[in-house]
C-alpha atoms as a PDB file:
ATOM      1  CA  UNK A   1      72.728  97.501  94.849  1.00  0.00           C
ATOM      2  CA  UNK A   2      75.838  95.903  94.255  1.00  0.00           C
ATOM      3  CA  UNK A   3      76.574  92.324  94.862  1.00  0.00           C
ATOM      4  CA  UNK A   4      78.494  92.884  97.829  1.00  0.00           C
ATOM      5  CA  UNK A   5      75.714  94.795  99.744  1.00  0.00           C
ATOM      6  CA  UNK A   6      72.756  92.436  98.150  1.00  0.00           C
ATOM      7  CA  UNK A   7      75.165  89.613 100.344  1.00  0.00           C
ATOM      8  CA  UNK A   8      75.034  91.544 103.433  1.00  0.00           C
ATOM      9  CA  UNK A   9      70.983  92.442 102.972  1.00  0.00           C
ATOM     10  CA  UNK A  10      70.532  88.178 102.408  1.00  0.00           C
ATOM     11  CA  UNK A  11      71.925  87.442 105.347  1.00  0.00           C
ATOM     12  CA  UNK A  12      70.079  89.890 107.791  1.00  0.00           C
ATOM     13  CA  UNK A  13      66.848  89.064 105.858  1.00  0.00           C
ATOM     14  CA  UNK A  14      67.539  85.300 106.951  1.00  0.00           C
ATOM     15  CA  UNK A  15      68.610  86.662 110.586  1.00  0.00           C
ATOM     16  CA  UNK A  16      65.676  88.506 110.925  1.00  0.00           C
ATOM     17  CA  UNK A  17      62.872  85.640 110.370  1.00  0.00           C
ATOM     18  CA  UNK A  18      65.248  82.971 111.725  1.00  0.00           C
ATOM     19  CA  UNK A  19      64.162  80.227 112.052  1.00  0.00           C
ATOM     20  CA  UNK A  20      61.586  80.549 109.634  1.00  0.00           C
ATOM     21  CA  UNK A  21      62.590  80.352 106.075  1.00  0.00           C
ATOM     22  CA  UNK A  22      62.494  82.608 103.008  1.00  0.00           C
ATOM     23  CA  UNK A  23      61.848  81.034  99.595  1.00  0.00           C
ATOM     24  CA  UNK A  24      64.042  81.491  96.991  1.00  0.00           C
ATOM     25  CA  UNK A  25      61.506  83.662  94.570  1.00  0.00           C
ATOM     26  CA  UNK A  26      60.436  85.622  97.379  1.00  0.00           C
ATOM     27  CA  UNK A  27      63.877  86.707  97.910  1.00  0.00           C
ATOM     28  CA  UNK A  28      64.740  87.130  94.138  1.00  0.00           C
ATOM     29  CA  UNK A  29      61.549  89.812  94.787  1.00  0.00           C
ATOM     30  CA  UNK A  30      62.749  91.519  97.499  1.00  0.00           C
ATOM     31  CA  UNK A  31      66.193  92.303  96.001  1.00  0.00           C
ATOM     32  CA  UNK A  32      64.727  92.541  92.473  1.00  0.00           C
ATOM     33  CA  UNK A  33      66.826  90.124  90.942  1.00  0.00           C
ATOM     34  CA  UNK A  34      66.721  86.663  89.252  1.00  0.00           C
ATOM     35  CA  UNK A  35      65.966  83.124  91.145  1.00  0.00           C
ATOM     36  CA  UNK A  36      69.168  81.601  90.019  1.00  0.00           C
ATOM     37  CA  UNK A  37      71.188  84.773  91.123  1.00  0.00           C
ATOM     38  CA  UNK A  38      69.733  84.574  94.679  1.00  0.00           C
ATOM     39  CA  UNK A  39      70.608  80.749  94.716  1.00  0.00           C
ATOM     40  CA  UNK A  40      74.376  81.628  93.981  1.00  0.00           C
ATOM     41  CA  UNK A  41      74.255  84.350  96.337  1.00  0.00           C
ATOM     42  CA  UNK A  42      73.244  81.916  99.129  1.00  0.00           C
ATOM     43  CA  UNK A  43      75.487  79.503  97.725  1.00  0.00           C
ATOM     44  CA  UNK A  44      78.427  81.905  97.963  1.00  0.00           C
ATOM     45  CA  UNK A  45      77.374  82.489 101.760  1.00  0.00           C
ATOM     46  CA  UNK A  46      77.467  78.543 102.398  1.00  0.00           C
ATOM     47  CA  UNK A  47      80.460  78.343 100.714  1.00  0.00           C
ATOM     48  CA  UNK A  48      81.848  80.950 103.197  1.00  0.00           C
ATOM     49  CA  UNK A  49      80.973  79.460 106.404  1.00  0.00           C
ATOM     50  CA  UNK A  50      77.498  80.534 106.974  1.00  0.00           C
ATOM     51  CA  UNK A  51      75.068  78.205 108.153  1.00  0.00           C
ATOM     52  CA  UNK A  52      72.385  78.664 105.945  1.00  0.00           C
ATOM     53  CA  UNK A  53      69.823  75.330 105.345  1.00  0.00           C
ATOM     54  CA  UNK A  54      67.725  74.565 102.451  1.00  0.00           C
ATOM     55  CA  UNK A  55      63.987  72.654 103.049  1.00  0.00           C
ATOM     56  CA  UNK A  56      62.211  71.392  99.908  1.00  0.00           C
ATOM     57  CA  UNK A  57      58.394  71.243 100.121  1.00  0.00           C
ATOM     58  CA  UNK A  58      55.862  74.245  99.978  1.00  0.00           C
ATOM     59  CA  UNK A  59      56.577  75.559 103.371  1.00  0.00           C
ATOM     60  CA  UNK A  60      60.668  75.129 102.620  1.00  0.00           C
ATOM     61  CA  UNK A  61      63.137  77.580 101.571  1.00  0.00           C
ATOM     62  CA  UNK A  62      66.332  79.118 103.073  1.00  0.00           C
ATOM     63  CA  UNK A  63      67.265  79.737 106.693  1.00  0.00           C
ATOM     64  CA  UNK A  64      69.733  80.753 108.874  1.00  0.00           C
ATOM     65  CA  UNK A  65      71.039  79.447 112.176  1.00  0.00           C
ATOM     66  CA  UNK A  66      70.925  82.528 114.061  1.00  0.00           C
ATOM     67  CA  UNK A  67      72.611  81.553 116.896  1.00  0.00           C
ATOM     68  CA  UNK A  68      75.763  80.714 114.921  1.00  0.00           C
ATOM     69  CA  UNK A  69      76.518  83.551 113.282  1.00  0.00           C
ATOM     70  CA  UNK A  70      77.166  87.372 114.246  1.00  0.00           C
ATOM     71  CA  UNK A  71      74.653  90.363 114.161  1.00  0.00           C
ATOM     72  CA  UNK A  72      75.723  93.516 112.491  1.00  0.00           C
ATOM     73  CA  UNK A  73      79.093  94.606 114.579  1.00  0.00           C
ATOM     74  CA  UNK A  74      78.963  98.150 115.586  1.00  0.00           C
ATOM     75  CA  UNK A  75      82.866  98.254 114.603  1.00  0.00           C
ATOM     76  CA  UNK A  76      84.900 101.537 113.854  1.00  0.00           C
ATOM     77  CA  UNK A  77      86.016 101.517 110.447  1.00  0.00           C
ATOM     78  CA  UNK A  78      89.965 101.409 112.415  1.00  0.00           C
ATOM     79  CA  UNK A  79      88.445  98.648 114.542  1.00  0.00           C
ATOM     80  CA  UNK A  80      87.453  96.519 111.837  1.00  0.00           C
ATOM     81  CA  UNK A  81      90.689  97.377 109.976  1.00  0.00           C
ATOM     82  CA  UNK A  82      92.464  96.262 113.219  1.00  0.00           C
ATOM     83  CA  UNK A  83      90.686  92.675 113.187  1.00  0.00           C
ATOM     84  CA  UNK A  84      92.239  92.702 109.102  1.00  0.00           C
ATOM     85  CA  UNK A  85      95.548  93.426 110.059  1.00  0.00           C
ATOM     86  CA  UNK A  86      95.956  90.671 112.855  1.00  0.00           C
ATOM     87  CA  UNK A  87      94.170  87.985 110.798  1.00  0.00           C
ATOM     88  CA  UNK A  88      96.448  89.084 108.058  1.00  0.00           C
ATOM     89  CA  UNK A  89      99.328  88.306 110.390  1.00  0.00           C
ATOM     90  CA  UNK A  90      98.193  84.997 110.935  1.00  0.00           C
ATOM     91  CA  UNK A  91      98.865  84.092 107.065  1.00  0.00           C
ATOM     92  CA  UNK A  92     102.534  81.953 107.923  1.00  0.00           C
ATOM     93  CA  UNK A  93     100.787  80.486 110.726  1.00  0.00           C
ATOM     94  CA  UNK A  94      98.816  76.831 110.248  1.00  0.00           C
ATOM     95  CA  UNK A  95      95.458  79.313 110.793  1.00  0.00           C
ATOM     96  CA  UNK A  96      96.144  81.169 107.496  1.00  0.00           C
ATOM     97  CA  UNK A  97      92.834  79.934 105.654  1.00  0.00           C
ATOM     98  CA  UNK A  98      90.525  79.749 108.757  1.00  0.00           C
ATOM     99  CA  UNK A  99      92.024  83.573 109.476  1.00  0.00           C
ATOM    100  CA  UNK A 100      91.235  84.507 106.268  1.00  0.00           C
ATOM    101  CA  UNK A 101      87.397  83.181 106.387  1.00  0.00           C
ATOM    102  CA  UNK A 102      87.409  84.501 109.411  1.00  0.00           C
ATOM    103  CA  UNK A 103      87.850  88.163 108.288  1.00  0.00           C
ATOM    104  CA  UNK A 104      85.519  87.394 105.636  1.00  0.00           C
ATOM    105  CA  UNK A 105      82.713  86.898 107.991  1.00  0.00           C
ATOM    106  CA  UNK A 106      83.823  89.553 109.967  1.00  0.00           C
ATOM    107  CA  UNK A 107      83.780  92.442 107.020  1.00  0.00           C
ATOM    108  CA  UNK A 108      80.374  90.597 105.668  1.00  0.00           C
ATOM    109  CA  UNK A 109      78.344  91.534 108.780  1.00  0.00           C
ATOM    110  CA  UNK A 110      79.481  95.206 109.125  1.00  0.00           C
ATOM    111  CA  UNK A 111      76.786  98.242 108.371  1.00  0.00           C
ATOM    112  CA  UNK A 112      77.474  98.923 104.989  1.00  0.00           C
ATOM    113  CA  UNK A 113      79.421 102.650 105.660  1.00  0.00           C
ATOM    114  CA  UNK A 114      81.433 100.992 108.104  1.00  0.00           C
ATOM    115  CA  UNK A 115      82.684  98.184 105.566  1.00  0.00           C
ATOM    116  CA  UNK A 116      83.222 101.005 103.074  1.00  0.00           C
ATOM    117  CA  UNK A 117      85.420 103.301 105.194  1.00  0.00           C
ATOM    118  CA  UNK A 118      87.392  99.720 106.565  1.00  0.00           C
ATOM    119  CA  UNK A 119      87.899  99.217 103.048  1.00  0.00           C
ATOM    120  CA  UNK A 120      88.911 102.649 101.979  1.00  0.00           C
ATOM    121  CA  UNK A 121      91.271 102.366 104.615  1.00  0.00           C
ATOM    122  CA  UNK A 122      92.685  98.788 104.274  1.00  0.00           C
ATOM    123  CA  UNK A 123      93.438 100.029 100.435  1.00  0.00           C
ATOM    124  CA  UNK A 124      96.281 102.454 102.252  1.00  0.00           C
ATOM    125  CA  UNK A 125      98.242 100.205 104.439  1.00  0.00           C
ATOM    126  CA  UNK A 126     101.334  98.256 102.874  1.00  0.00           C
ATOM    127  CA  UNK A 127     103.874  95.957 104.428  1.00  0.00           C
ATOM    128  CA  UNK A 128     107.620  96.441 103.539  1.00  0.00           C
ATOM    129  CA  UNK A 129     109.872  93.560 104.075  1.00  0.00           C
ATOM    130  CA  UNK A 130     109.683  89.896 104.857  1.00  0.00           C
ATOM    131  CA  UNK A 131     109.715  90.311 108.471  1.00  0.00           C
ATOM    132  CA  UNK A 132     106.584  91.840 110.692  1.00  0.00           C
ATOM    133  CA  UNK A 133     108.113  93.944 113.740  1.00  0.00           C
ATOM    134  CA  UNK A 134     107.540  92.645 117.382  1.00  0.00           C
ATOM    135  CA  UNK A 135     105.487  95.948 118.126  1.00  0.00           C
ATOM    136  CA  UNK A 136     104.887  99.581 117.771  1.00  0.00           C
ATOM    137  CA  UNK A 137     102.868 102.589 118.695  1.00  0.00           C
ATOM    138  CA  UNK A 138      99.403 102.130 117.870  1.00  0.00           C
ATOM    139  CA  UNK A 139      97.514 103.900 114.613  1.00  0.00           C
ATOM    140  CA  UNK A 140      95.698 106.616 116.361  1.00  0.00           C
ATOM    141  CA  UNK A 141      92.254 107.788 115.476  1.00  0.00           C
ATOM    142  CA  UNK A 142      93.585 110.927 114.260  1.00  0.00           C
ATOM    143  CA  UNK A 143      95.635 109.555 111.345  1.00  0.00           C
ATOM    144  CA  UNK A 144      93.137 107.321 110.494  1.00  0.00           C
ATOM    145  CA  UNK A 145      90.504 109.770 110.009  1.00  0.00           C
ATOM    146  CA  UNK A 146      92.755 111.967 107.822  1.00  0.00           C
ATOM    147  CA  UNK A 147      93.981 109.255 105.647  1.00  0.00           C
ATOM    148  CA  UNK A 148      90.171 108.468 105.026  1.00  0.00           C
ATOM    149  CA  UNK A 149      88.968 111.758 104.824  1.00  0.00           C
ATOM    150  CA  UNK A 150      92.105 113.293 102.961  1.00  0.00           C
ATOM    151  CA  UNK A 151      92.493 115.951 105.521  1.00  0.00           C
ATOM    152  CA  UNK A 152      96.123 117.698 106.348  1.00  0.00           C
ATOM    153  CA  UNK A 153      97.882 117.132 110.034  1.00  0.00           C
ATOM    154  CA  UNK A 154     100.158 118.952 111.548  1.00  0.00           C
ATOM    155  CA  UNK A 155     102.591 116.726 113.492  1.00  0.00           C
ATOM    156  CA  UNK A 156     105.634 116.987 115.643  1.00  0.00           C
ATOM    157  CA  UNK A 157     108.363 114.531 115.027  1.00  0.00           C
ATOM    158  CA  UNK A 158     111.407 113.694 116.723  1.00  0.00           C
ATOM    159  CA  UNK A 159     113.601 112.099 114.170  1.00  0.00           C
ATOM    160  CA  UNK A 160     116.024 109.539 114.847  1.00  0.00           C
ATOM    161  CA  UNK A 161     119.187 111.867 116.105  1.00  0.00           C
ATOM    162  CA  UNK A 162     116.556 113.623 118.462  1.00  0.00           C
ATOM    163  CA  UNK A 163     115.715 116.975 116.431  1.00  0.00           C
ATOM    164  CA  UNK A 164     112.481 117.951 116.884  1.00  0.00           C
ATOM    165  CA  UNK A 165     110.083 119.380 114.002  1.00  0.00           C
ATOM    166  CA  UNK A 166     106.484 120.763 113.747  1.00  0.00           C
ATOM    167  CA  UNK A 167     105.564 119.892 110.133  1.00  0.00           C
ATOM    168  CA  UNK A 168     102.184 120.016 107.876  1.00  0.00           C
ATOM    169  CA  UNK A 169     101.907 116.615 106.105  1.00  0.00           C
ATOM    170  CA  UNK A 170      99.678 115.025 103.687  1.00  0.00           C
ATOM    171  CA  UNK A 171      98.563 111.511 104.498  1.00  0.00           C
ATOM    172  CA  UNK A 172      99.299 108.624 101.983  1.00  0.00           C
ATOM    173  CA  UNK A 173      99.189 105.621 103.832  1.00  0.00           C
ATOM    174  CA  UNK A 174     100.472 103.171 106.454  1.00  0.00           C
ATOM    175  CA  UNK A 175     103.512 101.293 106.112  1.00  0.00           C
ATOM    176  CA  UNK A 176     104.387  98.032 108.442  1.00  0.00           C
ATOM    177  CA  UNK A 177     108.286  97.365 108.184  1.00  0.00           C
ATOM    178  CA  UNK A 178     110.837  95.644 110.520  1.00  0.00           C
ATOM    179  CA  UNK A 179     111.060  98.759 112.585  1.00  0.00           C
ATOM    180  CA  UNK A 180     107.611  99.028 113.503  1.00  0.00           C
ATOM    181  CA  UNK A 181     104.002 101.320 112.082  1.00  0.00           C
ATOM    182  CA  UNK A 182     104.866 104.542 109.869  1.00  0.00           C
ATOM    183  CA  UNK A 183     102.808 106.937 108.600  1.00  0.00           C
ATOM    184  CA  UNK A 184     103.671 107.800 104.964  1.00  0.00           C
ATOM    185  CA  UNK A 185     102.609 110.968 103.602  1.00  0.00           C
ATOM    186  CA  UNK A 186     103.641 114.251 101.659  1.00  0.00           C
ATOM    187  CA  UNK A 187     105.787 116.258 103.864  1.00  0.00           C
ATOM    188  CA  UNK A 188     105.400 120.058 103.071  1.00  0.00           C
ATOM    189  CA  UNK A 189     108.731 120.932 104.755  1.00  0.00           C
ATOM    190  CA  UNK A 190     110.415 118.844 102.721  1.00  0.00           C
ATOM    191  CA  UNK A 191     108.641 118.626  99.907  1.00  0.00           C
ATOM    192  CA  UNK A 192     109.038 114.999  98.761  1.00  0.00           C
ATOM    193  CA  UNK A 193     107.188 111.883 100.491  1.00  0.00           C
ATOM    194  CA  UNK A 194     108.360 110.927 104.023  1.00  0.00           C
ATOM    195  CA  UNK A 195     107.805 108.080 106.183  1.00  0.00           C
ATOM    196  CA  UNK A 196     107.039 109.102 110.352  1.00  0.00           C
ATOM    197  CA  UNK A 197     107.771 106.374 112.463  1.00  0.00           C
ATOM    198  CA  UNK A 198     104.350 106.640 114.900  1.00  0.00           C
ATOM    199  CA  UNK A 199     106.362 106.064 118.247  1.00  0.00           C
ATOM    200  CA  UNK A 200     108.182 109.081 116.846  1.00  0.00           C
ATOM    201  CA  UNK A 201     105.633 111.324 116.516  1.00  0.00           C
ATOM    202  CA  UNK A 202     105.273 113.539 119.670  1.00  0.00           C
ATOM    203  CA  UNK A 203     102.040 115.294 119.119  1.00  0.00           C
ATOM    204  CA  UNK A 204      99.356 115.228 116.372  1.00  0.00           C
ATOM    205  CA  UNK A 205      96.384 117.792 115.608  1.00  0.00           C
ATOM    206  CA  UNK A 206      94.101 117.398 112.582  1.00  0.00           C
ATOM    207  CA  UNK A 207      93.185 120.452 110.509  1.00  0.00           C
ATOM    208  CA  UNK A 208      90.393 121.092 108.117  1.00  0.00           C
ATOM    209  CA  UNK A 209      92.403 121.626 104.867  1.00  0.00           C
ATOM    210  CA  UNK A 210      92.116 119.027 102.337  1.00  0.00           C
ATOM    211  CA  UNK A 211      95.033 117.237 100.666  1.00  0.00           C
ATOM    212  CA  UNK A 212      96.223 117.661  97.220  1.00  0.00           C
ATOM    213  CA  UNK A 213      96.191 114.748  94.694  1.00  0.00           C
ATOM    214  CA  UNK A 214      99.515 112.486  95.590  1.00  0.00           C
ATOM    215  CA  UNK A 215      98.574 109.577  93.847  1.00  0.00           C
ATOM    216  CA  UNK A 216     101.487 109.477  91.694  1.00  0.00           C
ATOM    217  CA  UNK A 217     104.102 109.826  94.275  1.00  0.00           C
ATOM    218  CA  UNK A 218     102.506 107.297  96.562  1.00  0.00           C
ATOM    219  CA  UNK A 219     102.621 104.843  93.891  1.00  0.00           C
ATOM    220  CA  UNK A 220     106.290 105.414  92.925  1.00  0.00           C
ATOM    221  CA  UNK A 221     107.501 105.445  96.831  1.00  0.00           C
ATOM    222  CA  UNK A 222     105.464 101.830  96.674  1.00  0.00           C
ATOM    223  CA  UNK A 223     107.519 100.474  94.095  1.00  0.00           C
ATOM    224  CA  UNK A 224     110.857 101.922  95.504  1.00  0.00           C
ATOM    225  CA  UNK A 225     110.054 100.309  98.500  1.00  0.00           C
ATOM    226  CA  UNK A 226     108.449  97.066  96.988  1.00  0.00           C
ATOM    227  CA  UNK A 227     105.930  97.341  99.153  1.00  0.00           C
ATOM    228  CA  UNK A 228     102.912  94.834  99.121  1.00  0.00           C
ATOM    229  CA  UNK A 229      99.253  95.456 100.247  1.00  0.00           C
ATOM    230  CA  UNK A 230      98.719  94.145 104.086  1.00  0.00           C
ATOM    231  CA  UNK A 231      95.435  93.218 104.083  1.00  0.00           C
ATOM    232  CA  UNK A 232      94.628  91.659 100.465  1.00  0.00           C
END
């Protein structure tokens, strides 16, 4: 079990028995680590804002105030990323630090599979330019699933002059720029990386075909655009 999964499991163990405490030696045996490691993990959880109390004495230990924490949240990867993106947008406000902590807490209580999918998707979301757009079309579940699973998408696209084309594209990531959200993808029609503004995609159909490795093209495009990770 890696540390991220252990932190999540520690919270759920304490939640399950709350308000009763668990001792550090008991938790160390449960997770097959040292007592010192458990104490460091619990301290990290407290520093992140979780209401974990410690009680001295033979019947003491660590306990969690269940009423002040979230249970595991049934979020999809797209929903979890939506929270991350929304909170990231508060980075330039007076609530930046609180937003960052809130995002960490939400992700900490996600089931491991949902958290892994959110993290895989978050690594594909970048921001271009200094100004955020006022609004844009939403990111469809088909786009999200294609990014996570590495599947080809077939889409109908209307460009800025109104020309309509049907294309097969290999999704690389999502870009948020001054004009809104774009799907960055390897376009088989143009044999190059292209950005497709989401509100100009008129139809979208996933296929069962796997994408080819295009990481070098994706990295080159990010460098060209001077893009930065949106959810860092």
